[in-house]
């Protein structure tokens, strides 16, 4: 793909990607979706907090009414 390069290890396995920033301008929404997915996956094993507990904490902190 034009504007995309891969960094490989000594066994020629892809380890990282380098993307031309000008290329990203054309795919803003898709890139945002990709990053959201990566972030969600990286947080997969974090402790889950019930929504009502989050709301109570935000109210107590004065962040919401």
N, C-alpha and C. Protein backbone atom coordinates (compact mmCIF):
# COMPACT_ATOMS: atom_id res chain seq x y z
N UNK A 1 0.84 -1.16 0.00
CA UNK A 1 0.00 0.00 0.00
C UNK A 1 0.90 1.24 0.00
N UNK A 2 0.57 2.18 -0.82
CA UNK A 2 1.35 3.40 -0.92
C UNK A 2 1.27 4.19 0.39
N UNK A 3 2.41 4.64 0.87
CA UNK A 3 2.46 5.43 2.09
C UNK A 3 2.54 4.61 3.36
N UNK A 4 2.62 3.28 3.24
CA UNK A 4 2.69 2.41 4.41
C UNK A 4 3.94 1.54 4.30
N UNK A 5 4.75 1.53 5.37
CA UNK A 5 5.95 0.71 5.41
C UNK A 5 5.93 -0.12 6.69
N UNK A 6 6.56 -1.27 6.65
CA UNK A 6 6.61 -2.14 7.81
C UNK A 6 8.03 -2.26 8.33
N UNK A 7 8.14 -2.34 9.64
CA UNK A 7 9.42 -2.63 10.28
C UNK A 7 9.37 -4.09 10.66
N UNK A 8 10.40 -4.83 10.28
CA UNK A 8 10.41 -6.27 10.53
C UNK A 8 11.56 -6.64 11.46
N UNK A 9 11.43 -7.82 12.07
CA UNK A 9 12.51 -8.32 12.92
C UNK A 9 13.50 -9.12 12.08
N UNK A 10 14.44 -9.76 12.76
CA UNK A 10 15.49 -10.51 12.05
C UNK A 10 14.95 -11.71 11.28
N UNK A 11 13.72 -12.12 11.57
CA UNK A 11 13.09 -13.24 10.86
C UNK A 11 12.08 -12.74 9.82
N UNK A 12 12.15 -11.46 9.53
CA UNK A 12 11.29 -10.80 8.54
C UNK A 12 9.80 -10.82 8.92
N UNK A 13 9.52 -10.90 10.24
CA UNK A 13 8.14 -10.82 10.72
C UNK A 13 7.81 -9.35 10.98
N UNK A 14 6.64 -8.92 10.55
CA UNK A 14 6.23 -7.54 10.74
C UNK A 14 6.05 -7.25 12.22
N UNK A 15 6.68 -6.18 12.69
CA UNK A 15 6.62 -5.79 14.10
C UNK A 15 6.00 -4.43 14.31
N UNK A 16 6.08 -3.55 13.33
CA UNK A 16 5.54 -2.20 13.46
C UNK A 16 5.21 -1.67 12.07
N UNK A 17 4.42 -0.61 12.05
CA UNK A 17 4.04 -0.01 10.79
C UNK A 17 4.34 1.48 10.84
N UNK A 18 4.77 2.02 9.74
CA UNK A 18 5.02 3.45 9.59
C UNK A 18 4.06 3.94 8.52
N UNK A 19 3.24 4.93 8.88
CA UNK A 19 2.24 5.45 7.95
C UNK A 19 2.52 6.91 7.66
N UNK A 20 2.57 7.26 6.39
CA UNK A 20 2.76 8.64 5.96
C UNK A 20 1.59 9.46 6.48
N UNK A 21 1.86 10.52 7.23
CA UNK A 21 0.80 11.33 7.85
C UNK A 21 -0.13 11.94 6.81
N UNK A 22 0.36 12.25 5.63
CA UNK A 22 -0.51 12.80 4.59
C UNK A 22 -1.56 11.78 4.17
N UNK A 23 -1.22 10.51 4.22
CA UNK A 23 -2.16 9.44 3.89
C UNK A 23 -3.31 9.40 4.90
N UNK A 24 -3.00 9.69 6.16
CA UNK A 24 -4.01 9.64 7.21
C UNK A 24 -5.12 10.66 7.01
N UNK A 25 -4.82 11.76 6.39
CA UNK A 25 -5.81 12.81 6.18
C UNK A 25 -7.03 12.28 5.42
N UNK A 26 -6.84 11.30 4.60
CA UNK A 26 -7.92 10.75 3.78
C UNK A 26 -8.74 9.68 4.52
N UNK A 27 -8.24 9.23 5.66
CA UNK A 27 -8.87 8.11 6.36
C UNK A 27 -9.11 8.42 7.83
N UNK A 28 -9.43 9.67 8.16
CA UNK A 28 -9.58 10.08 9.56
C UNK A 28 -10.52 9.18 10.35
N UNK A 29 -11.71 8.94 9.83
CA UNK A 29 -12.71 8.16 10.57
C UNK A 29 -12.26 6.71 10.74
N UNK A 30 -11.71 6.13 9.70
CA UNK A 30 -11.24 4.74 9.79
C UNK A 30 -10.10 4.58 10.77
N UNK A 31 -9.19 5.54 10.79
CA UNK A 31 -8.06 5.50 11.72
C UNK A 31 -8.57 5.64 13.15
N UNK A 32 -9.54 6.53 13.36
CA UNK A 32 -10.11 6.71 14.69
C UNK A 32 -10.76 5.42 15.17
N UNK A 33 -11.49 4.74 14.30
CA UNK A 33 -12.12 3.46 14.65
C UNK A 33 -11.06 2.41 15.00
N UNK A 34 -9.99 2.38 14.22
CA UNK A 34 -8.90 1.43 14.47
C UNK A 34 -8.28 1.69 15.83
N UNK A 35 -7.99 2.94 16.14
CA UNK A 35 -7.38 3.27 17.42
C UNK A 35 -8.33 2.96 18.57
N UNK A 36 -9.63 3.23 18.41
CA UNK A 36 -10.60 2.88 19.44
C UNK A 36 -10.58 1.38 19.72
N UNK A 37 -10.51 0.60 18.67
CA UNK A 37 -10.46 -0.85 18.83
C UNK A 37 -9.20 -1.32 19.54
N UNK A 38 -8.07 -0.72 19.20
CA UNK A 38 -6.81 -1.07 19.85
C UNK A 38 -6.85 -0.72 21.33
N UNK A 39 -7.38 0.46 21.65
CA UNK A 39 -7.47 0.88 23.04
C UNK A 39 -8.41 -0.04 23.81
N UNK A 40 -9.56 -0.36 23.24
CA UNK A 40 -10.52 -1.24 23.91
C UNK A 40 -9.90 -2.61 24.16
N UNK A 41 -9.20 -3.14 23.18
CA UNK A 41 -8.57 -4.45 23.33
C UNK A 41 -7.48 -4.42 24.39
N UNK A 42 -6.74 -3.32 24.47
CA UNK A 42 -5.66 -3.24 25.45
C UNK A 42 -6.20 -3.15 26.88
N UNK A 43 -7.47 -2.75 27.03
CA UNK A 43 -8.07 -2.61 28.36
C UNK A 43 -8.95 -3.80 28.72
N UNK A 44 -8.89 -4.84 27.90
CA UNK A 44 -9.76 -6.00 28.03
C UNK A 44 -9.72 -6.63 29.43
N UNK A 45 -8.57 -6.63 30.07
CA UNK A 45 -8.41 -7.32 31.35
C UNK A 45 -8.50 -6.38 32.55
N UNK A 46 -8.84 -5.11 32.31
CA UNK A 46 -9.02 -4.18 33.42
C UNK A 46 -10.29 -4.52 34.19
N UNK A 47 -10.30 -4.11 35.46
CA UNK A 47 -11.47 -4.34 36.29
C UNK A 47 -12.68 -3.60 35.71
N UNK A 48 -13.80 -4.27 35.68
CA UNK A 48 -15.05 -3.67 35.20
C UNK A 48 -15.70 -2.91 36.35
N UNK A 49 -16.27 -1.73 36.08
CA UNK A 49 -16.94 -0.93 37.10
C UNK A 49 -18.37 -0.70 36.62
N UNK A 50 -19.35 -1.04 37.47
CA UNK A 50 -20.75 -0.82 37.08
C UNK A 50 -21.03 0.67 36.81
N UNK A 51 -21.89 0.93 35.85
CA UNK A 51 -22.20 2.30 35.45
C UNK A 51 -22.72 3.12 36.62
N UNK A 52 -23.59 2.55 37.44
CA UNK A 52 -24.13 3.33 38.57
C UNK A 52 -23.04 3.77 39.53
N UNK A 53 -22.02 2.95 39.70
CA UNK A 53 -20.89 3.31 40.57
C UNK A 53 -20.08 4.45 39.95
N UNK A 54 -19.90 4.42 38.65
CA UNK A 54 -19.19 5.48 37.95
C UNK A 54 -19.95 6.79 38.09
N UNK A 55 -21.26 6.75 37.90
CA UNK A 55 -22.10 7.94 38.00
C UNK A 55 -22.03 8.52 39.42
N UNK A 56 -22.13 7.67 40.43
CA UNK A 56 -22.04 8.13 41.81
C UNK A 56 -20.70 8.81 42.07
N UNK A 57 -19.63 8.24 41.56
CA UNK A 57 -18.30 8.82 41.74
C UNK A 57 -18.17 10.17 41.06
N UNK A 58 -18.74 10.30 39.86
CA UNK A 58 -18.70 11.56 39.13
C UNK A 58 -19.51 12.64 39.85
N UNK A 59 -20.65 12.25 40.41
CA UNK A 59 -21.47 13.19 41.18
C UNK A 59 -20.73 13.65 42.44
N UNK A 60 -20.12 12.71 43.12
CA UNK A 60 -19.38 13.02 44.35
C UNK A 60 -18.21 13.96 44.06
N UNK A 61 -17.58 13.79 42.91
CA UNK A 61 -16.46 14.64 42.52
C UNK A 61 -16.92 15.98 41.94
N UNK A 62 -18.25 16.16 41.80
CA UNK A 62 -18.78 17.41 41.26
C UNK A 62 -18.64 17.53 39.77
N UNK A 63 -18.41 16.44 39.08
CA UNK A 63 -18.25 16.47 37.62
C UNK A 63 -19.59 16.50 36.90
N UNK A 64 -20.61 15.91 37.52
CA UNK A 64 -21.97 15.94 36.97
C UNK A 64 -22.94 16.19 38.11
N UNK A 65 -24.18 16.56 37.76
CA UNK A 65 -25.21 16.81 38.79
C UNK A 65 -26.11 15.61 38.93
